[in-house]
Amino acid sequence: MVTEKNYETFKKRYVERMQSLKAGDPTQEDSDLGPMARVDLRDDLHDQVEESVRKGAKILCGGEKPSGKGAFYPVTVLDNVTPGQPAYDDELFGPVAALIRAKDDEDAMRIANDSRYGLGGGIISKDVKRATELASKYFDTGMVFINGFGVATPEMPFGGVKNSGYGREHGGFGMHEFVNAKSVIVVQE
């Protein structure tokens, strides 16, 4: 989700950056992107892209399934992503980004929370205080990264909400997920 006032500038710069990424052997230093895990997963992703395009999305880069060996899929950016398209409604597990235009911060939160998934999300903003407020009060995900994106770390809880899971692993919260609490009640007469 990108707010209206930032949309066109973000789109231009994002597509330029995505087009500059090089797919190839992940063991080679000059490769930015390796193959997907399996060919059938790549094919499913391509079907989601094609269905999104049939329903009105526009390919800004990528989107063509390469021939040859391996489960490679090009970095793909979709514009004009709206409800009813897999790029809006589903999780796309692969190098496909769906650009969704939001009127403002509140509309971006509405769109983000419209998803039936909620593992993690991110907010990029110069106003860290406002981003923190949006993340803590309005963003319905298990984790939110502000001005960056990372991976799970052992000291922080990891887990999602909605169809992305229940409970947490890692950190102190995670330890409690793997123990059984016992209540012992003594009734005094």
C-alpha atoms as a PDB file:
ATOM      1  CA  MET A   1       0.000   0.000   0.000  1.00  0.00           C
ATOM      2  CA  VAL A   2       1.386   3.368  -0.961  1.00  0.00           C
ATOM      3  CA  THR A   3      -0.344   6.619  -0.134  1.00  0.00           C
ATOM      4  CA  GLU A   4      -1.637   8.718  -3.023  1.00  0.00           C
ATOM      5  CA  LYS A   5       0.823  11.574  -2.457  1.00  0.00           C
ATOM      6  CA  ASN A   6       3.795   9.175  -2.722  1.00  0.00           C
ATOM      7  CA  TYR A   7       2.441   6.677  -5.227  1.00  0.00           C
ATOM      8  CA  GLU A   8       3.823   7.785  -8.603  1.00  0.00           C
ATOM      9  CA  THR A   9       7.305   8.604  -7.282  1.00  0.00           C
ATOM     10  CA  PHE A  10       7.476   5.361  -5.311  1.00  0.00           C
ATOM     11  CA  LYS A  11       6.240   3.316  -8.275  1.00  0.00           C
ATOM     12  CA  LYS A  12       8.858   4.743 -10.634  1.00  0.00           C
ATOM     13  CA  ARG A  13      11.772   4.237  -8.238  1.00  0.00           C
ATOM     14  CA  TYR A  14      10.569   0.814  -7.084  1.00  0.00           C
ATOM     15  CA  VAL A  15      10.204  -0.562 -10.613  1.00  0.00           C
ATOM     16  CA  GLU A  16      13.648   0.781 -11.566  1.00  0.00           C
ATOM     17  CA  ARG A  17      15.180  -0.964  -8.546  1.00  0.00           C
ATOM     18  CA  MET A  18      13.340  -4.225  -9.170  1.00  0.00           C
ATOM     19  CA  GLN A  19      14.368  -4.262 -12.836  1.00  0.00           C
ATOM     20  CA  SER A  20      18.010  -3.948 -11.805  1.00  0.00           C
ATOM     21  CA  LEU A  21      17.969  -7.220  -9.823  1.00  0.00           C
ATOM     22  CA  LYS A  22      19.700 -10.174 -11.456  1.00  0.00           C
ATOM     23  CA  ALA A  23      18.318 -13.704 -11.229  1.00  0.00           C
ATOM     24  CA  GLY A  24      20.793 -16.547 -11.272  1.00  0.00           C
ATOM     25  CA  ASP A  25      22.678 -19.163  -9.328  1.00  0.00           C
ATOM     26  CA  PRO A  26      22.223 -18.266  -5.642  1.00  0.00           C
ATOM     27  CA  THR A  27      25.753 -19.452  -4.855  1.00  0.00           C
ATOM     28  CA  GLN A  28      27.189 -16.776  -7.147  1.00  0.00           C
ATOM     29  CA  GLU A  29      27.883 -13.357  -5.675  1.00  0.00           C
ATOM     30  CA  ASP A  30      26.500 -11.470  -8.669  1.00  0.00           C
ATOM     31  CA  SER A  31      23.036 -13.063  -8.286  1.00  0.00           C
ATOM     32  CA  ASP A  32      20.385 -11.103  -6.413  1.00  0.00           C
ATOM     33  CA  LEU A  33      17.640 -13.679  -6.782  1.00  0.00           C
ATOM     34  CA  GLY A  34      17.703 -17.461  -6.959  1.00  0.00           C
ATOM     35  CA  PRO A  35      15.021 -19.882  -8.095  1.00  0.00           C
ATOM     36  CA  MET A  36      11.849 -20.668  -6.211  1.00  0.00           C
ATOM     37  CA  ALA A  37      11.694 -23.930  -4.259  1.00  0.00           C
ATOM     38  CA  ARG A  38       9.816 -25.949  -6.894  1.00  0.00           C
ATOM     39  CA  VAL A  39       8.579 -25.585 -10.469  1.00  0.00           C
ATOM     40  CA  ASP A  40       4.946 -26.246  -9.465  1.00  0.00           C
ATOM     41  CA  LEU A  41       5.115 -23.364  -6.959  1.00  0.00           C
ATOM     42  CA  ARG A  42       6.537 -21.099  -9.675  1.00  0.00           C
ATOM     43  CA  ASP A  43       3.762 -22.146 -12.031  1.00  0.00           C
ATOM     44  CA  ASP A  44       1.108 -21.466  -9.356  1.00  0.00           C
ATOM     45  CA  LEU A  45       2.588 -17.995  -8.793  1.00  0.00           C
ATOM     46  CA  HIS A  46       2.528 -17.308 -12.530  1.00  0.00           C
ATOM     47  CA  ASP A  47      -1.134 -18.382 -12.651  1.00  0.00           C
ATOM     48  CA  GLN A  48      -1.893 -15.862  -9.850  1.00  0.00           C
ATOM     49  CA  VAL A  49      -0.137 -13.116 -11.816  1.00  0.00           C
ATOM     50  CA  GLU A  50      -1.992 -13.983 -15.025  1.00  0.00           C
ATOM     51  CA  GLU A  51      -5.375 -14.088 -13.261  1.00  0.00           C
ATOM     52  CA  SER A  52      -4.661 -10.731 -11.622  1.00  0.00           C
ATOM     53  CA  VAL A  53      -3.864  -9.258 -15.035  1.00  0.00           C
ATOM     54  CA  ARG A  54      -7.060 -10.731 -16.531  1.00  0.00           C
ATOM     55  CA  LYS A  55      -8.930  -8.960 -13.713  1.00  0.00           C
ATOM     56  CA  GLY A  56      -7.302  -5.562 -14.338  1.00  0.00           C
ATOM     57  CA  ALA A  57      -3.798  -5.542 -12.849  1.00  0.00           C
ATOM     58  CA  LYS A  58      -1.020  -4.138 -15.015  1.00  0.00           C
ATOM     59  CA  ILE A  59       2.477  -5.636 -15.232  1.00  0.00           C
ATOM     60  CA  LEU A  60       5.132  -2.946 -14.766  1.00  0.00           C
ATOM     61  CA  CYS A  61       8.045  -5.391 -15.019  1.00  0.00           C
ATOM     62  CA  GLY A  62       8.537  -9.161 -15.168  1.00  0.00           C
ATOM     63  CA  GLY A  63       5.500 -11.395 -15.332  1.00  0.00           C
ATOM     64  CA  GLU A  64       6.747 -13.791 -17.998  1.00  0.00           C
ATOM     65  CA  LYS A  65       7.513 -17.379 -17.062  1.00  0.00           C
ATOM     66  CA  PRO A  66      11.010 -18.171 -18.318  1.00  0.00           C
ATOM     67  CA  SER A  67      11.732 -21.290 -20.310  1.00  0.00           C
ATOM     68  CA  GLY A  68      14.553 -23.559 -19.350  1.00  0.00           C
ATOM     69  CA  LYS A  69      15.554 -25.575 -16.345  1.00  0.00           C
ATOM     70  CA  GLY A  70      14.787 -24.509 -12.818  1.00  0.00           C
ATOM     71  CA  ALA A  71      12.034 -22.772 -10.910  1.00  0.00           C
ATOM     72  CA  PHE A  72      13.091 -19.251 -11.810  1.00  0.00           C
ATOM     73  CA  TYR A  73      10.553 -16.431 -11.920  1.00  0.00           C
ATOM     74  CA  PRO A  74      11.418 -12.840 -12.757  1.00  0.00           C
ATOM     75  CA  VAL A  75      10.970 -10.016 -10.291  1.00  0.00           C
ATOM     76  CA  THR A  76       7.485  -8.810 -11.107  1.00  0.00           C
ATOM     77  CA  VAL A  77       5.693  -5.622 -10.095  1.00  0.00           C
ATOM     78  CA  LEU A  78       1.947  -5.281 -10.562  1.00  0.00           C
ATOM     79  CA  ASP A  79       0.041  -1.991 -10.619  1.00  0.00           C
ATOM     80  CA  ASN A  80      -3.715  -1.360 -10.457  1.00  0.00           C
ATOM     81  CA  VAL A  81      -4.141  -4.157  -7.905  1.00  0.00           C
ATOM     82  CA  THR A  82      -7.682  -4.244  -6.535  1.00  0.00           C
ATOM     83  CA  PRO A  83      -9.960  -6.579  -4.555  1.00  0.00           C
ATOM     84  CA  GLY A  84     -10.956  -9.723  -6.442  1.00  0.00           C
ATOM     85  CA  GLN A  85      -7.473 -10.281  -7.855  1.00  0.00           C
ATOM     86  CA  PRO A  86      -5.147 -12.936  -6.396  1.00  0.00           C
ATOM     87  CA  ALA A  87      -2.489 -10.213  -6.053  1.00  0.00           C
ATOM     88  CA  TYR A  88      -4.838  -8.434  -3.624  1.00  0.00           C
ATOM     89  CA  ASP A  89      -6.702 -11.298  -1.965  1.00  0.00           C
ATOM     90  CA  ASP A  90      -4.046 -14.015  -1.640  1.00  0.00           C
ATOM     91  CA  GLU A  91      -0.482 -14.404  -0.476  1.00  0.00           C
ATOM     92  CA  LEU A  92       1.977 -14.421  -3.366  1.00  0.00           C
ATOM     93  CA  PHE A  93       4.936 -16.597  -2.406  1.00  0.00           C
ATOM     94  CA  GLY A  94       7.556 -15.463  -4.857  1.00  0.00           C
ATOM     95  CA  PRO A  95       9.193 -12.361  -6.299  1.00  0.00           C
ATOM     96  CA  VAL A  96       5.953 -10.522  -7.100  1.00  0.00           C
ATOM     97  CA  ALA A  97       5.039  -7.155  -5.589  1.00  0.00           C
ATOM     98  CA  ALA A  98       1.496  -5.822  -5.716  1.00  0.00           C
ATOM     99  CA  LEU A  99       1.290  -2.030  -5.633  1.00  0.00           C
ATOM    100  CA  ILE A 100      -1.943  -0.852  -4.062  1.00  0.00           C
ATOM    101  CA  ARG A 101      -2.883   2.806  -3.987  1.00  0.00           C
ATOM    102  CA  ALA A 102      -4.200   4.186  -0.660  1.00  0.00           C
ATOM    103  CA  LYS A 103      -5.725   7.632  -0.115  1.00  0.00           C
ATOM    104  CA  ASP A 104      -3.827   8.225   3.148  1.00  0.00           C
ATOM    105  CA  ASP A 105      -2.418   6.440   6.222  1.00  0.00           C
ATOM    106  CA  GLU A 106      -5.839   5.436   7.495  1.00  0.00           C
ATOM    107  CA  ASP A 107      -6.829   4.009   4.125  1.00  0.00           C
ATOM    108  CA  ALA A 108      -3.526   2.103   3.958  1.00  0.00           C
ATOM    109  CA  MET A 109      -4.298   0.536   7.353  1.00  0.00           C
ATOM    110  CA  ARG A 110      -7.809  -0.357   6.180  1.00  0.00           C
ATOM    111  CA  ILE A 111      -6.445  -2.045   3.067  1.00  0.00           C
ATOM    112  CA  ALA A 112      -3.701  -3.876   4.959  1.00  0.00           C
ATOM    113  CA  ASN A 113      -6.154  -5.126   7.561  1.00  0.00           C
ATOM    114  CA  ASP A 114      -8.574  -6.220   4.824  1.00  0.00           C
ATOM    115  CA  SER A 115      -6.346  -9.253   4.324  1.00  0.00           C
ATOM    116  CA  ARG A 116      -7.303 -12.561   5.867  1.00  0.00           C
ATOM    117  CA  TYR A 117      -3.613 -13.037   6.624  1.00  0.00           C
ATOM    118  CA  GLY A 118      -1.531 -11.314   9.251  1.00  0.00           C
ATOM    119  CA  LEU A 119       1.974 -12.674   9.800  1.00  0.00           C
ATOM    120  CA  GLY A 120       3.977  -9.497   9.385  1.00  0.00           C
ATOM    121  CA  GLY A 121       3.983  -6.121   7.768  1.00  0.00           C
ATOM    122  CA  GLY A 122       6.031  -3.011   7.430  1.00  0.00           C
ATOM    123  CA  ILE A 123       5.644   0.739   7.473  1.00  0.00           C
ATOM    124  CA  ILE A 124       8.084   3.063   5.744  1.00  0.00           C
ATOM    125  CA  SER A 125       7.805   6.644   6.998  1.00  0.00           C
ATOM    126  CA  LYS A 126       9.861   9.693   7.874  1.00  0.00           C
ATOM    127  CA  ASP A 127       7.539  10.124  10.868  1.00  0.00           C
ATOM    128  CA  VAL A 128       8.661   7.255  13.101  1.00  0.00           C
ATOM    129  CA  LYS A 129       6.382   8.332  15.936  1.00  0.00           C
ATOM    130  CA  ARG A 130       3.324   8.169  13.633  1.00  0.00           C
ATOM    131  CA  ALA A 131       4.493   4.850  12.131  1.00  0.00           C
ATOM    132  CA  THR A 132       4.900   3.386  15.619  1.00  0.00           C
ATOM    133  CA  GLU A 133       1.393   4.531  16.538  1.00  0.00           C
ATOM    134  CA  LEU A 134      -0.056   2.956  13.371  1.00  0.00           C
ATOM    135  CA  ALA A 135       1.881  -0.269  13.995  1.00  0.00           C
ATOM    136  CA  SER A 136       0.870  -0.661  17.619  1.00  0.00           C
ATOM    137  CA  LYS A 137      -2.742   0.523  17.480  1.00  0.00           C
ATOM    138  CA  TYR A 138      -4.044  -0.198  13.988  1.00  0.00           C
ATOM    139  CA  PHE A 139      -1.961  -2.734  12.058  1.00  0.00           C
ATOM    140  CA  ASP A 140      -3.516  -6.196  12.531  1.00  0.00           C
ATOM    141  CA  THR A 141      -0.431  -8.387  12.150  1.00  0.00           C
ATOM    142  CA  GLY A 142       1.730 -10.386  14.514  1.00  0.00           C
ATOM    143  CA  MET A 143       4.854  -8.366  13.699  1.00  0.00           C
ATOM    144  CA  VAL A 144       5.486  -4.935  12.199  1.00  0.00           C
ATOM    145  CA  PHE A 145       8.809  -3.605  10.949  1.00  0.00           C
ATOM    146  CA  ILE A 146       9.280   0.145  10.660  1.00  0.00           C
ATOM    147  CA  ASN A 147      11.645   1.581   8.030  1.00  0.00           C
ATOM    148  CA  GLY A 148      13.129  -1.775   7.159  1.00  0.00           C
ATOM    149  CA  PHE A 149      12.338  -5.421   7.071  1.00  0.00           C
ATOM    150  CA  GLY A 150      14.124  -8.259   8.757  1.00  0.00           C
ATOM    151  CA  VAL A 151      13.895 -11.829   9.763  1.00  0.00           C
ATOM    152  CA  ALA A 152      12.911 -13.504  12.981  1.00  0.00           C
ATOM    153  CA  THR A 153      15.365 -13.136  15.818  1.00  0.00           C
ATOM    154  CA  PRO A 154      15.458 -15.559  18.759  1.00  0.00           C
ATOM    155  CA  GLU A 155      14.832 -12.894  21.394  1.00  0.00           C
ATOM    156  CA  MET A 156      11.671 -11.486  19.773  1.00  0.00           C
ATOM    157  CA  PRO A 157       8.284 -13.201  19.538  1.00  0.00           C
ATOM    158  CA  PHE A 158       7.490 -14.567  16.071  1.00  0.00           C
ATOM    159  CA  GLY A 159       3.978 -15.389  14.887  1.00  0.00           C
ATOM    160  CA  GLY A 160       0.919 -14.133  13.113  1.00  0.00           C
ATOM    161  CA  VAL A 161      -2.783 -13.494  13.479  1.00  0.00           C
ATOM    162  CA  LYS A 162      -5.872 -14.397  11.435  1.00  0.00           C
ATOM    163  CA  ASN A 163      -5.060 -17.141   8.872  1.00  0.00           C
ATOM    164  CA  SER A 164      -1.343 -16.666   9.512  1.00  0.00           C
ATOM    165  CA  GLY A 165      -1.335 -18.445  12.829  1.00  0.00           C
ATOM    166  CA  TYR A 166      -1.981 -18.301  16.497  1.00  0.00           C
ATOM    167  CA  GLY A 167       0.539 -18.006  19.303  1.00  0.00           C
ATOM    168  CA  ARG A 168       4.200 -17.123  19.290  1.00  0.00           C
ATOM    169  CA  GLU A 169       7.545 -18.805  19.148  1.00  0.00           C
ATOM    170  CA  HIS A 170      10.919 -17.308  20.134  1.00  0.00           C
ATOM    171  CA  GLY A 171      11.557 -14.980  23.052  1.00  0.00           C
ATOM    172  CA  GLY A 172       9.835 -15.136  26.414  1.00  0.00           C
ATOM    173  CA  PHE A 173       6.371 -15.314  24.832  1.00  0.00           C
ATOM    174  CA  GLY A 174       7.511 -18.265  22.767  1.00  0.00           C
ATOM    175  CA  MET A 175       8.786 -20.159  25.791  1.00  0.00           C
ATOM    176  CA  HIS A 176       5.320 -19.963  27.332  1.00  0.00           C
ATOM    177  CA  GLU A 177       3.800 -21.554  24.212  1.00  0.00           C
ATOM    178  CA  PHE A 178       5.756 -24.749  24.930  1.00  0.00           C
ATOM    179  CA  VAL A 179       4.926 -25.212  28.599  1.00  0.00           C
ATOM    180  CA  ASN A 180       1.814 -26.294  30.407  1.00  0.00           C
ATOM    181  CA  ALA A 181       0.702 -23.945  33.136  1.00  0.00           C
ATOM    182  CA  LYS A 182      -0.851 -25.711  36.069  1.00  0.00           C
ATOM    183  CA  SER A 183      -3.350 -24.228  38.454  1.00  0.00           C
ATOM    184  CA  VAL A 184      -3.405 -25.569  42.011  1.00  0.00           C
ATOM    185  CA  ILE A 185      -6.406 -24.301  43.944  1.00  0.00           C
ATOM    186  CA  VAL A 186      -6.801 -24.796  47.671  1.00  0.00           C
ATOM    187  CA  VAL A 187     -10.256 -24.045  48.993  1.00  0.00           C
ATOM    188  CA  GLN A 188     -10.265 -22.842  52.597  1.00  0.00           C
ATOM    189  CA  GLU A 189     -13.329 -23.682  54.675  1.00  0.00           C
END
